[in-house]
Amino acid sequence: MAKTGSIAYTAERLYVSSSGISLAISSLEEELYVKIFERTRTRLESTEIGKT
């Protein structure tokens, strides 16, 4: 997703639902107490922590 900027595109390529990927990312962010992606209406962008 960091390369494509799209949950939907990534989900399609991995044959999983976009909601499943979004939930997994959110759960990981909550567990680690960090924000990995900055979400906009149309794209995802890696935060500085997400880039490392």
PDB file of N, CA and C in Angstrom:
ATOM      1  N   MET A   1       0.796  -1.171   0.000  1.00  0.00           N
ATOM      2  CA  MET A   1       0.000   0.000   0.000  1.00  0.00           C
ATOM      3  C   MET A   1       0.850   1.252   0.000  1.00  0.00           C
ATOM      4  N   ALA A   2       1.985   1.168   0.608  1.00  0.00           N
ATOM      5  CA  ALA A   2       2.855   2.344   0.624  1.00  0.00           C
ATOM      6  C   ALA A   2       3.241   2.736  -0.799  1.00  0.00           C
ATOM      7  N   LYS A   3       3.379   1.762  -1.665  1.00  0.00           N
ATOM      8  CA  LYS A   3       3.749   2.059  -3.055  1.00  0.00           C
ATOM      9  C   LYS A   3       2.550   2.489  -3.889  1.00  0.00           C
ATOM     10  N   THR A   4       1.406   1.861  -3.655  1.00  0.00           N
ATOM     11  CA  THR A   4       0.235   2.158  -4.478  1.00  0.00           C
ATOM     12  C   THR A   4      -0.593   3.300  -3.920  1.00  0.00           C
ATOM     13  N   GLY A   5      -0.586   3.478  -2.607  1.00  0.00           N
ATOM     14  CA  GLY A   5      -1.390   4.522  -1.985  1.00  0.00           C
ATOM     15  C   GLY A   5      -2.871   4.191  -1.956  1.00  0.00           C
ATOM     16  N   SER A   6      -3.200   2.927  -2.216  1.00  0.00           N
ATOM     17  CA  SER A   6      -4.605   2.550  -2.325  1.00  0.00           C
ATOM     18  C   SER A   6      -4.882   1.227  -1.618  1.00  0.00           C
ATOM     19  N   ILE A   7      -5.798   1.259  -0.675  1.00  0.00           N
ATOM     20  CA  ILE A   7      -6.213   0.019  -0.014  1.00  0.00           C
ATOM     21  C   ILE A   7      -6.964  -0.863  -1.008  1.00  0.00           C
ATOM     22  N   ALA A   8      -7.847  -0.259  -1.794  1.00  0.00           N
ATOM     23  CA  ALA A   8      -8.653  -1.032  -2.739  1.00  0.00           C
ATOM     24  C   ALA A   8      -7.779  -1.764  -3.759  1.00  0.00           C
ATOM     25  N   TYR A   9      -6.809  -1.078  -4.309  1.00  0.00           N
ATOM     26  CA  TYR A   9      -5.921  -1.694  -5.302  1.00  0.00           C
ATOM     27  C   TYR A   9      -5.111  -2.824  -4.669  1.00  0.00           C
ATOM     28  N   THR A  10      -4.594  -2.585  -3.477  1.00  0.00           N
ATOM     29  CA  THR A  10      -3.824  -3.607  -2.783  1.00  0.00           C
ATOM     30  C   THR A  10      -4.692  -4.814  -2.459  1.00  0.00           C
ATOM     31  N   ALA A  11      -5.894  -4.568  -1.985  1.00  0.00           N
ATOM     32  CA  ALA A  11      -6.817  -5.658  -1.658  1.00  0.00           C
ATOM     33  C   ALA A  11      -7.125  -6.498  -2.893  1.00  0.00           C
ATOM     34  N   GLU A  12      -7.349  -5.835  -3.991  1.00  0.00           N
ATOM     35  CA  GLU A  12      -7.636  -6.545  -5.237  1.00  0.00           C
ATOM     36  C   GLU A  12      -6.468  -7.441  -5.640  1.00  0.00           C
ATOM     37  N   ARG A  13      -5.270  -6.930  -5.519  1.00  0.00           N
ATOM     38  CA  ARG A  13      -4.086  -7.714  -5.896  1.00  0.00           C
ATOM     39  C   ARG A  13      -3.843  -8.891  -4.958  1.00  0.00           C
ATOM     40  N   LEU A  14      -4.262  -8.753  -3.688  1.00  0.00           N
ATOM     41  CA  LEU A  14      -4.054  -9.818  -2.700  1.00  0.00           C
ATOM     42  C   LEU A  14      -5.273 -10.726  -2.550  1.00  0.00           C
ATOM     43  N   TYR A  15      -6.329 -10.443  -3.294  1.00  0.00           N
ATOM     44  CA  TYR A  15      -7.575 -11.212  -3.237  1.00  0.00           C
ATOM     45  C   TYR A  15      -8.179 -11.236  -1.832  1.00  0.00           C
ATOM     46  N   VAL A  16      -8.190 -10.078  -1.184  1.00  0.00           N
ATOM     47  CA  VAL A  16      -8.830  -9.912   0.123  1.00  0.00           C
ATOM     48  C   VAL A  16      -9.689  -8.648   0.066  1.00  0.00           C
ATOM     49  N   SER A  17     -10.513  -8.463   1.093  1.00  0.00           N
ATOM     50  CA  SER A  17     -11.373  -7.282   1.094  1.00  0.00           C
ATOM     51  C   SER A  17     -10.608  -6.049   1.558  1.00  0.00           C
ATOM     52  N   SER A  18     -10.992  -4.905   1.037  1.00  0.00           N
ATOM     53  CA  SER A  18     -10.348  -3.666   1.447  1.00  0.00           C
ATOM     54  C   SER A  18     -10.670  -3.352   2.906  1.00  0.00           C
ATOM     55  N   SER A  19     -11.864  -3.726   3.359  1.00  0.00           N
ATOM     56  CA  SER A  19     -12.210  -3.489   4.762  1.00  0.00           C
ATOM     57  C   SER A  19     -11.343  -4.338   5.684  1.00  0.00           C
ATOM     58  N   GLY A  20     -10.987  -5.539   5.257  1.00  0.00           N
ATOM     59  CA  GLY A  20     -10.107  -6.399   6.052  1.00  0.00           C
ATOM     60  C   GLY A  20      -8.716  -5.800   6.199  1.00  0.00           C
ATOM     61  N   ILE A  21      -8.187  -5.253   5.124  1.00  0.00           N
ATOM     62  CA  ILE A  21      -6.871  -4.611   5.176  1.00  0.00           C
ATOM     63  C   ILE A  21      -6.923  -3.372   6.056  1.00  0.00           C
ATOM     64  N   SER A  22      -7.955  -2.573   5.880  1.00  0.00           N
ATOM     65  CA  SER A  22      -8.095  -1.359   6.675  1.00  0.00           C
ATOM     66  C   SER A  22      -8.189  -1.684   8.163  1.00  0.00           C
ATOM     67  N   LEU A  23      -8.955  -2.697   8.500  1.00  0.00           N
ATOM     68  CA  LEU A  23      -9.095  -3.117   9.893  1.00  0.00           C
ATOM     69  C   LEU A  23      -7.768  -3.624  10.450  1.00  0.00           C
ATOM     70  N   ALA A  24      -7.037  -4.392   9.656  1.00  0.00           N
ATOM     71  CA  ALA A  24      -5.737  -4.907  10.097  1.00  0.00           C
ATOM     72  C   ALA A  24      -4.747  -3.764  10.360  1.00  0.00           C
ATOM     73  N   ILE A  25      -4.731  -2.777   9.497  1.00  0.00           N
ATOM     74  CA  ILE A  25      -3.845  -1.625   9.684  1.00  0.00           C
ATOM     75  C   ILE A  25      -4.235  -0.864  10.943  1.00  0.00           C
ATOM     76  N   SER A  26      -5.519  -0.605  11.094  1.00  0.00           N
ATOM     77  CA  SER A  26      -5.992   0.123  12.281  1.00  0.00           C
ATOM     78  C   SER A  26      -5.657  -0.624  13.560  1.00  0.00           C
ATOM     79  N   SER A  27      -5.840  -1.932  13.554  1.00  0.00           N
ATOM     80  CA  SER A  27      -5.525  -2.744  14.732  1.00  0.00           C
ATOM     81  C   SER A  27      -4.036  -2.684  15.052  1.00  0.00           C
ATOM     82  N   LEU A  28      -3.206  -2.771  14.033  1.00  0.00           N
ATOM     83  CA  LEU A  28      -1.764  -2.693  14.229  1.00  0.00           C
ATOM     84  C   LEU A  28      -1.360  -1.334  14.790  1.00  0.00           C
ATOM     85  N   GLU A  29      -1.933  -0.281  14.242  1.00  0.00           N
ATOM     86  CA  GLU A  29      -1.628   1.065  14.723  1.00  0.00           C
ATOM     87  C   GLU A  29      -2.024   1.222  16.194  1.00  0.00           C
ATOM     88  N   GLU A  30      -3.179   0.684  16.563  1.00  0.00           N
ATOM     89  CA  GLU A  30      -3.621   0.762  17.956  1.00  0.00           C
ATOM     90  C   GLU A  30      -2.706  -0.047  18.872  1.00  0.00           C
ATOM     91  N   GLU A  31      -2.318  -1.212  18.424  1.00  0.00           N
ATOM     92  CA  GLU A  31      -1.453  -2.089  19.227  1.00  0.00           C
ATOM     93  C   GLU A  31      -0.076  -1.468  19.448  1.00  0.00           C
ATOM     94  N   LEU A  32       0.454  -0.814  18.428  1.00  0.00           N
ATOM     95  CA  LEU A  32       1.792  -0.227  18.508  1.00  0.00           C
ATOM     96  C   LEU A  32       1.782   1.223  18.985  1.00  0.00           C
ATOM     97  N   TYR A  33       0.591   1.809  19.124  1.00  0.00           N
ATOM     98  CA  TYR A  33       0.453   3.211  19.530  1.00  0.00           C
ATOM     99  C   TYR A  33       1.170   4.168  18.574  1.00  0.00           C
ATOM    100  N   VAL A  34       1.102   3.866  17.289  1.00  0.00           N
ATOM    101  CA  VAL A  34       1.688   4.735  16.261  1.00  0.00           C
ATOM    102  C   VAL A  34       0.732   4.809  15.081  1.00  0.00           C
ATOM    103  N   LYS A  35       0.870   5.848  14.310  1.00  0.00           N
ATOM    104  CA  LYS A  35       0.102   5.989  13.082  1.00  0.00           C
ATOM    105  C   LYS A  35       1.035   5.664  11.922  1.00  0.00           C
ATOM    106  N   ILE A  36       0.732   4.613  11.199  1.00  0.00           N
ATOM    107  CA  ILE A  36       1.586   4.144  10.114  1.00  0.00           C
ATOM    108  C   ILE A  36       1.241   4.853   8.802  1.00  0.00           C
ATOM    109  N   PHE A  37      -0.047   5.077   8.585  1.00  0.00           N
ATOM    110  CA  PHE A  37      -0.518   5.727   7.366  1.00  0.00           C
ATOM    111  C   PHE A  37      -1.363   6.941   7.701  1.00  0.00           C
ATOM    112  N   GLU A  38      -1.224   7.968   6.908  1.00  0.00           N
ATOM    113  CA  GLU A  38      -2.101   9.136   6.965  1.00  0.00           C
ATOM    114  C   GLU A  38      -3.165   8.903   5.901  1.00  0.00           C
ATOM    115  N   ARG A  39      -4.406   8.875   6.308  1.00  0.00           N
ATOM    116  CA  ARG A  39      -5.489   8.576   5.380  1.00  0.00           C
ATOM    117  C   ARG A  39      -6.149   9.863   4.882  1.00  0.00           C
ATOM    118  N   THR A  40      -6.366   9.911   3.580  1.00  0.00           N
ATOM    119  CA  THR A  40      -7.175  10.975   2.999  1.00  0.00           C
ATOM    120  C   THR A  40      -8.367  10.302   2.345  1.00  0.00           C
ATOM    121  N   ARG A  41      -9.222  11.078   1.770  1.00  0.00           N
ATOM    122  CA  ARG A  41     -10.399  10.493   1.123  1.00  0.00           C
ATOM    123  C   ARG A  41     -10.041   9.569  -0.031  1.00  0.00           C
ATOM    124  N   THR A  42      -8.951   9.872  -0.709  1.00  0.00           N
ATOM    125  CA  THR A  42      -8.627   9.120  -1.921  1.00  0.00           C
ATOM    126  C   THR A  42      -7.311   8.351  -1.860  1.00  0.00           C
ATOM    127  N   ARG A  43      -6.465   8.617  -0.866  1.00  0.00           N
ATOM    128  CA  ARG A  43      -5.152   7.972  -0.843  1.00  0.00           C
ATOM    129  C   ARG A  43      -4.689   7.680   0.575  1.00  0.00           C
ATOM    130  N   LEU A  44      -3.687   6.833   0.639  1.00  0.00           N
ATOM    131  CA  LEU A  44      -2.945   6.586   1.868  1.00  0.00           C
ATOM    132  C   LEU A  44      -1.530   7.070   1.646  1.00  0.00           C
ATOM    133  N   GLU A  45      -0.972   7.705   2.638  1.00  0.00           N
ATOM    134  CA  GLU A  45       0.424   8.114   2.561  1.00  0.00           C
ATOM    135  C   GLU A  45       1.111   7.653   3.834  1.00  0.00           C
ATOM    136  N   SER A  46       2.300   7.120   3.700  1.00  0.00           N
ATOM    137  CA  SER A  46       3.066   6.681   4.867  1.00  0.00           C
ATOM    138  C   SER A  46       3.472   7.861   5.712  1.00  0.00           C
ATOM    139  N   THR A  47       3.345   7.683   7.022  1.00  0.00           N
ATOM    140  CA  THR A  47       3.888   8.684   7.942  1.00  0.00           C
ATOM    141  C   THR A  47       5.387   8.438   8.038  1.00  0.00           C
ATOM    142  N   GLU A  48       6.105   9.291   8.742  1.00  0.00           N
ATOM    143  CA  GLU A  48       7.546   9.077   8.910  1.00  0.00           C
ATOM    144  C   GLU A  48       7.819   7.727   9.575  1.00  0.00           C
ATOM    145  N   ILE A  49       7.015   7.374  10.561  1.00  0.00           N
ATOM    146  CA  ILE A  49       7.178   6.079  11.227  1.00  0.00           C
ATOM    147  C   ILE A  49       6.876   4.951  10.252  1.00  0.00           C
ATOM    148  N   GLY A  50       5.866   5.133   9.418  1.00  0.00           N
ATOM    149  CA  GLY A  50       5.505   4.121   8.433  1.00  0.00           C
ATOM    150  C   GLY A  50       6.564   3.900   7.376  1.00  0.00           C
ATOM    151  N   LYS A  51       7.408   4.889   7.153  1.00  0.00           N
ATOM    152  CA  LYS A  51       8.471   4.774   6.143  1.00  0.00           C
ATOM    153  C   LYS A  51       9.679   4.011   6.669  1.00  0.00           C
ATOM    154  N   THR A  52       9.801   3.903   7.995  1.00  0.00           N
ATOM    155  CA  THR A  52      10.979   3.218   8.545  1.00  0.00           C
ATOM    156  C   THR A  52      10.768   1.746   8.704  1.00  0.00           C
TER     157      THR A  52
END
